[in-house]
Amino acid sequence: MKYILVSKERVLAELGKGTGREYAGGTDVCVCPECGYEELHSRGISCNQKTCPECGNPLTGKGAPGEI
């Protein structure tokens, strides 16, 4: 078995990058599961940190407009 030494800084820099959509920046659209309101996702701000301007519920992420 091989072990690779990696610095703490490198590990922390890579943390949360994931693969697929997470690595590419996550979701494309934030949507309200209650009323269907949609807005484009802003990189660096999680959809669930935003609230729907129409009904006040937390938004959730989805892949692309029209996709659930």
PDB file of N, CA and C in Angstrom:
ATOM      1  N   MET A   1       0.841  -1.164   0.000  1.00  0.00           N
ATOM      2  CA  MET A   1       0.000   0.000   0.000  1.00  0.00           C
ATOM      3  C   MET A   1       0.897   1.241   0.000  1.00  0.00           C
ATOM      4  N   LYS A   2       0.573   2.224  -0.858  1.00  0.00           N
ATOM      5  CA  LYS A   2       1.350   3.453  -0.923  1.00  0.00           C
ATOM      6  C   LYS A   2       0.636   4.558  -0.173  1.00  0.00           C
ATOM      7  N   TYR A   3       1.412   5.400   0.465  1.00  0.00           N
ATOM      8  CA  TYR A   3       0.878   6.576   1.142  1.00  0.00           C
ATOM      9  C   TYR A   3       1.453   7.820   0.480  1.00  0.00           C
ATOM     10  N   ILE A   4       0.630   8.818   0.303  1.00  0.00           N
ATOM     11  CA  ILE A   4       1.073  10.075  -0.271  1.00  0.00           C
ATOM     12  C   ILE A   4       0.886  11.158   0.778  1.00  0.00           C
ATOM     13  N   LEU A   5       1.952  11.877   1.056  1.00  0.00           N
ATOM     14  CA  LEU A   5       1.867  12.974   2.015  1.00  0.00           C
ATOM     15  C   LEU A   5       1.361  14.221   1.305  1.00  0.00           C
ATOM     16  N   VAL A   6       0.331  14.818   1.874  1.00  0.00           N
ATOM     17  CA  VAL A   6      -0.263  16.017   1.292  1.00  0.00           C
ATOM     18  C   VAL A   6      -0.378  17.054   2.400  1.00  0.00           C
ATOM     19  N   SER A   7      -0.077  18.293   2.056  1.00  0.00           N
ATOM     20  CA  SER A   7      -0.139  19.346   3.068  1.00  0.00           C
ATOM     21  C   SER A   7      -1.580  19.639   3.473  1.00  0.00           C
ATOM     22  N   LYS A   8      -1.737  20.128   4.678  1.00  0.00           N
ATOM     23  CA  LYS A   8      -3.053  20.504   5.193  1.00  0.00           C
ATOM     24  C   LYS A   8      -3.688  21.567   4.295  1.00  0.00           C
ATOM     25  N   GLU A   9      -2.897  22.516   3.808  1.00  0.00           N
ATOM     26  CA  GLU A   9      -3.399  23.574   2.942  1.00  0.00           C
ATOM     27  C   GLU A   9      -3.975  23.008   1.645  1.00  0.00           C
ATOM     28  N   ARG A  10      -3.303  22.014   1.088  1.00  0.00           N
ATOM     29  CA  ARG A  10      -3.780  21.392  -0.156  1.00  0.00           C
ATOM     30  C   ARG A  10      -5.102  20.672   0.072  1.00  0.00           C
ATOM     31  N   VAL A  11      -5.192  19.959   1.181  1.00  0.00           N
ATOM     32  CA  VAL A  11      -6.422  19.240   1.504  1.00  0.00           C
ATOM     33  C   VAL A  11      -7.571  20.235   1.665  1.00  0.00           C
ATOM     34  N   LEU A  12      -7.345  21.313   2.411  1.00  0.00           N
ATOM     35  CA  LEU A  12      -8.394  22.307   2.625  1.00  0.00           C
ATOM     36  C   LEU A  12      -8.775  23.016   1.329  1.00  0.00           C
ATOM     37  N   ALA A  13      -7.817  23.232   0.434  1.00  0.00           N
ATOM     38  CA  ALA A  13      -8.104  23.882  -0.845  1.00  0.00           C
ATOM     39  C   ALA A  13      -8.976  23.006  -1.730  1.00  0.00           C
ATOM     40  N   GLU A  14      -8.821  21.682  -1.618  1.00  0.00           N
ATOM     41  CA  GLU A  14      -9.581  20.756  -2.452  1.00  0.00           C
ATOM     42  C   GLU A  14     -10.917  20.361  -1.833  1.00  0.00           C
ATOM     43  N   LEU A  15     -11.097  20.639  -0.556  1.00  0.00           N
ATOM     44  CA  LEU A  15     -12.298  20.233   0.159  1.00  0.00           C
ATOM     45  C   LEU A  15     -13.558  20.808  -0.469  1.00  0.00           C
ATOM     46  N   GLY A  16     -14.541  19.979  -0.713  1.00  0.00           N
ATOM     47  CA  GLY A  16     -15.821  20.435  -1.224  1.00  0.00           C
ATOM     48  C   GLY A  16     -15.882  20.584  -2.725  1.00  0.00           C
ATOM     49  N   LYS A  17     -14.809  20.285  -3.443  1.00  0.00           N
ATOM     50  CA  LYS A  17     -14.850  20.421  -4.896  1.00  0.00           C
ATOM     51  C   LYS A  17     -15.666  19.315  -5.542  1.00  0.00           C
ATOM     52  N   GLY A  18     -15.615  18.129  -4.987  1.00  0.00           N
ATOM     53  CA  GLY A  18     -16.422  17.030  -5.492  1.00  0.00           C
ATOM     54  C   GLY A  18     -16.143  16.724  -6.948  1.00  0.00           C
ATOM     55  N   THR A  19     -17.129  16.140  -7.591  1.00  0.00           N
ATOM     56  CA  THR A  19     -17.034  15.825  -9.011  1.00  0.00           C
ATOM     57  C   THR A  19     -18.349  16.202  -9.657  1.00  0.00           C
ATOM     58  N   GLY A  20     -18.413  16.138 -10.937  1.00  0.00           N
ATOM     59  CA  GLY A  20     -19.662  16.422 -11.638  1.00  0.00           C
ATOM     60  C   GLY A  20     -20.140  17.843 -11.412  1.00  0.00           C
ATOM     61  N   ARG A  21     -21.431  18.014 -11.125  1.00  0.00           N
ATOM     62  CA  ARG A  21     -22.034  19.333 -10.977  1.00  0.00           C
ATOM     63  C   ARG A  21     -21.400  20.143  -9.852  1.00  0.00           C
ATOM     64  N   GLU A  22     -21.062  19.488  -8.744  1.00  0.00           N
ATOM     65  CA  GLU A  22     -20.471  20.215  -7.630  1.00  0.00           C
ATOM     66  C   GLU A  22     -19.143  20.839  -8.046  1.00  0.00           C
ATOM     67  N   TYR A  23     -18.342  20.080  -8.783  1.00  0.00           N
ATOM     68  CA  TYR A  23     -17.047  20.585  -9.225  1.00  0.00           C
ATOM     69  C   TYR A  23     -17.220  21.708 -10.236  1.00  0.00           C
ATOM     70  N   ALA A  24     -18.256  21.608 -11.066  1.00  0.00           N
ATOM     71  CA  ALA A  24     -18.505  22.599 -12.119  1.00  0.00           C
ATOM     72  C   ALA A  24     -19.227  23.828 -11.585  1.00  0.00           C
ATOM     73  N   GLY A  25     -19.512  23.885 -10.304  1.00  0.00           N
ATOM     74  CA  GLY A  25     -20.150  25.068  -9.742  1.00  0.00           C
ATOM     75  C   GLY A  25     -21.536  24.806  -9.223  1.00  0.00           C
ATOM     76  N   GLY A  26     -21.961  23.552  -9.230  1.00  0.00           N
ATOM     77  CA  GLY A  26     -23.264  23.226  -8.663  1.00  0.00           C
ATOM     78  C   GLY A  26     -24.404  23.385  -9.639  1.00  0.00           C
ATOM     79  N   THR A  27     -25.496  23.879  -9.159  1.00  0.00           N
ATOM     80  CA  THR A  27     -26.721  23.975  -9.928  1.00  0.00           C
ATOM     81  C   THR A  27     -26.719  25.173 -10.879  1.00  0.00           C
ATOM     82  N   ASP A  28     -27.600  25.156 -11.846  1.00  0.00           N
ATOM     83  CA  ASP A  28     -27.743  26.262 -12.792  1.00  0.00           C
ATOM     84  C   ASP A  28     -28.853  27.217 -12.375  1.00  0.00           C
ATOM     85  N   VAL A  29     -29.862  26.669 -11.698  1.00  0.00           N
ATOM     86  CA  VAL A  29     -31.062  27.429 -11.377  1.00  0.00           C
ATOM     87  C   VAL A  29     -31.492  27.165  -9.936  1.00  0.00           C
ATOM     88  N   CYS A  30     -31.969  28.208  -9.258  1.00  0.00           N
ATOM     89  CA  CYS A  30     -32.588  28.058  -7.939  1.00  0.00           C
ATOM     90  C   CYS A  30     -34.097  28.116  -8.160  1.00  0.00           C
ATOM     91  N   VAL A  31     -34.824  27.220  -7.510  1.00  0.00           N
ATOM     92  CA  VAL A  31     -36.270  27.139  -7.704  1.00  0.00           C
ATOM     93  C   VAL A  31     -36.975  27.032  -6.360  1.00  0.00           C
ATOM     94  N   CYS A  32     -38.166  27.596  -6.292  1.00  0.00           N
ATOM     95  CA  CYS A  32     -39.002  27.466  -5.104  1.00  0.00           C
ATOM     96  C   CYS A  32     -39.840  26.193  -5.238  1.00  0.00           C
ATOM     97  N   PRO A  33     -39.711  25.256  -4.310  1.00  0.00           N
ATOM     98  CA  PRO A  33     -40.485  24.021  -4.402  1.00  0.00           C
ATOM     99  C   PRO A  33     -41.975  24.241  -4.139  1.00  0.00           C
ATOM    100  N   GLU A  34     -42.330  25.370  -3.547  1.00  0.00           N
ATOM    101  CA  GLU A  34     -43.728  25.656  -3.216  1.00  0.00           C
ATOM    102  C   GLU A  34     -44.493  26.269  -4.395  1.00  0.00           C
ATOM    103  N   CYS A  35     -43.963  27.359  -4.989  1.00  0.00           N
ATOM    104  CA  CYS A  35     -44.718  28.070  -6.033  1.00  0.00           C
ATOM    105  C   CYS A  35     -44.113  27.959  -7.425  1.00  0.00           C
ATOM    106  N   GLY A  36     -42.871  27.413  -7.527  1.00  0.00           N
ATOM    107  CA  GLY A  36     -42.255  27.218  -8.834  1.00  0.00           C
ATOM    108  C   GLY A  36     -41.416  28.386  -9.335  1.00  0.00           C
ATOM    109  N   TYR A  37     -41.285  29.451  -8.562  1.00  0.00           N
ATOM    110  CA  TYR A  37     -40.449  30.593  -8.958  1.00  0.00           C
ATOM    111  C   TYR A  37     -39.027  30.104  -9.244  1.00  0.00           C
ATOM    112  N   GLU A  38     -38.402  30.632 -10.308  1.00  0.00           N
ATOM    113  CA  GLU A  38     -37.041  30.253 -10.668  1.00  0.00           C
ATOM    114  C   GLU A  38     -36.183  31.493 -10.871  1.00  0.00           C
ATOM    115  N   GLU A  39     -34.893  31.371 -10.533  1.00  0.00           N
ATOM    116  CA  GLU A  39     -33.914  32.411 -10.846  1.00  0.00           C
ATOM    117  C   GLU A  39     -32.579  31.737 -11.099  1.00  0.00           C
ATOM    118  N   LEU A  40     -31.719  32.398 -11.871  1.00  0.00           N
ATOM    119  CA  LEU A  40     -30.401  31.841 -12.137  1.00  0.00           C
ATOM    120  C   LEU A  40     -29.590  31.790 -10.855  1.00  0.00           C
ATOM    121  N   HIS A  41     -28.822  30.722 -10.716  1.00  0.00           N
ATOM    122  CA  HIS A  41     -27.975  30.539  -9.545  1.00  0.00           C
ATOM    123  C   HIS A  41     -26.773  31.473  -9.613  1.00  0.00           C
ATOM    124  N   SER A  42     -26.444  32.109  -8.503  1.00  0.00           N
ATOM    125  CA  SER A  42     -25.260  32.959  -8.395  1.00  0.00           C
ATOM    126  C   SER A  42     -24.153  32.154  -7.744  1.00  0.00           C
ATOM    127  N   ARG A  43     -23.032  32.016  -8.423  1.00  0.00           N
ATOM    128  CA  ARG A  43     -21.920  31.236  -7.881  1.00  0.00           C
ATOM    129  C   ARG A  43     -21.462  31.825  -6.547  1.00  0.00           C
ATOM    130  N   GLY A  44     -21.248  30.970  -5.577  1.00  0.00           N
ATOM    131  CA  GLY A  44     -20.794  31.389  -4.263  1.00  0.00           C
ATOM    132  C   GLY A  44     -21.919  31.596  -3.260  1.00  0.00           C
ATOM    133  N   ILE A  45     -23.165  31.581  -3.728  1.00  0.00           N
ATOM    134  CA  ILE A  45     -24.318  31.724  -2.834  1.00  0.00           C
ATOM    135  C   ILE A  45     -25.204  30.501  -3.034  1.00  0.00           C
ATOM    136  N   SER A  46     -25.332  29.693  -2.002  1.00  0.00           N
ATOM    137  CA  SER A  46     -26.147  28.493  -2.081  1.00  0.00           C
ATOM    138  C   SER A  46     -27.616  28.857  -2.270  1.00  0.00           C
ATOM    139  N   CYS A  47     -28.314  28.077  -3.093  1.00  0.00           N
ATOM    140  CA  CYS A  47     -29.740  28.338  -3.318  1.00  0.00           C
ATOM    141  C   CYS A  47     -30.518  28.344  -2.006  1.00  0.00           C
ATOM    142  N   ASN A  48     -30.182  27.433  -1.086  1.00  0.00           N
ATOM    143  CA  ASN A  48     -30.956  27.348   0.152  1.00  0.00           C
ATOM    144  C   ASN A  48     -30.678  28.506   1.106  1.00  0.00           C
ATOM    145  N   GLN A  49     -29.744  29.401   0.740  1.00  0.00           N
ATOM    146  CA  GLN A  49     -29.523  30.619   1.518  1.00  0.00           C
ATOM    147  C   GLN A  49     -30.416  31.754   1.021  1.00  0.00           C
ATOM    148  N   LYS A  50     -31.100  31.528  -0.086  1.00  0.00           N
ATOM    149  CA  LYS A  50     -31.996  32.533  -0.669  1.00  0.00           C
ATOM    150  C   LYS A  50     -33.440  32.176  -0.349  1.00  0.00           C
ATOM    151  N   THR A  51     -34.301  33.200  -0.327  1.00  0.00           N
ATOM    152  CA  THR A  51     -35.732  32.952  -0.141  1.00  0.00           C
ATOM    153  C   THR A  51     -36.492  33.412  -1.367  1.00  0.00           C
ATOM    154  N   CYS A  52     -37.613  32.800  -1.604  1.00  0.00           N
ATOM    155  CA  CYS A  52     -38.467  33.123  -2.736  1.00  0.00           C
ATOM    156  C   CYS A  52     -39.076  34.514  -2.534  1.00  0.00           C
ATOM    157  N   PRO A  53     -38.937  35.410  -3.518  1.00  0.00           N
ATOM    158  CA  PRO A  53     -39.516  36.738  -3.380  1.00  0.00           C
ATOM    159  C   PRO A  53     -41.045  36.734  -3.484  1.00  0.00           C
ATOM    160  N   GLU A  54     -41.617  35.634  -3.990  1.00  0.00           N
ATOM    161  CA  GLU A  54     -43.064  35.557  -4.153  1.00  0.00           C
ATOM    162  C   GLU A  54     -43.778  34.986  -2.930  1.00  0.00           C
ATOM    163  N   CYS A  55     -43.175  33.951  -2.297  1.00  0.00           N
ATOM    164  CA  CYS A  55     -43.883  33.327  -1.174  1.00  0.00           C
ATOM    165  C   CYS A  55     -43.040  33.207   0.099  1.00  0.00           C
ATOM    166  N   GLY A  56     -41.731  33.526   0.037  1.00  0.00           N
ATOM    167  CA  GLY A  56     -40.902  33.532   1.229  1.00  0.00           C
ATOM    168  C   GLY A  56     -40.275  32.205   1.622  1.00  0.00           C
ATOM    169  N   ASN A  57     -40.525  31.139   0.874  1.00  0.00           N
ATOM    170  CA  ASN A  57     -39.934  29.837   1.190  1.00  0.00           C
ATOM    171  C   ASN A  57     -38.481  29.776   0.724  1.00  0.00           C
ATOM    172  N   PRO A  58     -37.660  28.918   1.340  1.00  0.00           N
ATOM    173  CA  PRO A  58     -36.278  28.753   0.882  1.00  0.00           C
ATOM    174  C   PRO A  58     -36.243  28.138  -0.516  1.00  0.00           C
ATOM    175  N   LEU A  59     -35.286  28.592  -1.328  1.00  0.00           N
ATOM    176  CA  LEU A  59     -35.124  28.035  -2.669  1.00  0.00           C
ATOM    177  C   LEU A  59     -34.276  26.773  -2.588  1.00  0.00           C
ATOM    178  N   THR A  60     -34.336  25.971  -3.636  1.00  0.00           N
ATOM    179  CA  THR A  60     -33.524  24.772  -3.744  1.00  0.00           C
ATOM    180  C   THR A  60     -32.911  24.741  -5.137  1.00  0.00           C
ATOM    181  N   GLY A  61     -31.834  24.002  -5.323  1.00  0.00           N
ATOM    182  CA  GLY A  61     -31.165  23.963  -6.621  1.00  0.00           C
ATOM    183  C   GLY A  61     -31.729  22.897  -7.539  1.00  0.00           C
ATOM    184  N   LYS A  62     -31.621  23.173  -8.844  1.00  0.00           N
ATOM    185  CA  LYS A  62     -31.930  22.160  -9.850  1.00  0.00           C
ATOM    186  C   LYS A  62     -30.992  22.355 -11.019  1.00  0.00           C
ATOM    187  N   GLY A  63     -30.913  21.388 -11.912  1.00  0.00           N
ATOM    188  CA  GLY A  63     -29.901  21.392 -12.959  1.00  0.00           C
ATOM    189  C   GLY A  63     -29.996  22.489 -13.995  1.00  0.00           C
ATOM    190  N   ALA A  64     -31.129  22.632 -14.637  1.00  0.00           N
ATOM    191  CA  ALA A  64     -31.284  23.609 -15.712  1.00  0.00           C
ATOM    192  C   ALA A  64     -32.738  24.049 -15.773  1.00  0.00           C
ATOM    193  N   PRO A  65     -33.036  25.195 -16.396  1.00  0.00           N
ATOM    194  CA  PRO A  65     -34.423  25.645 -16.478  1.00  0.00           C
ATOM    195  C   PRO A  65     -35.337  24.556 -17.056  1.00  0.00           C
ATOM    196  N   GLY A  66     -36.444  24.309 -16.410  1.00  0.00           N
ATOM    197  CA  GLY A  66     -37.407  23.311 -16.856  1.00  0.00           C
ATOM    198  C   GLY A  66     -37.107  21.899 -16.380  1.00  0.00           C
ATOM    199  N   GLU A  67     -35.966  21.670 -15.730  1.00  0.00           N
ATOM    200  CA  GLU A  67     -35.563  20.340 -15.249  1.00  0.00           C
ATOM    201  C   GLU A  67     -35.758  20.270 -13.746  1.00  0.00           C
ATOM    202  N   ILE A  68     -36.284  19.156 -13.238  1.00  0.00           N
ATOM    203  CA  ILE A  68     -36.451  19.005 -11.787  1.00  0.00           C
ATOM    204  C   ILE A  68     -35.556  17.896 -11.300  1.00  0.00           C
TER     205      ILE A  68
END
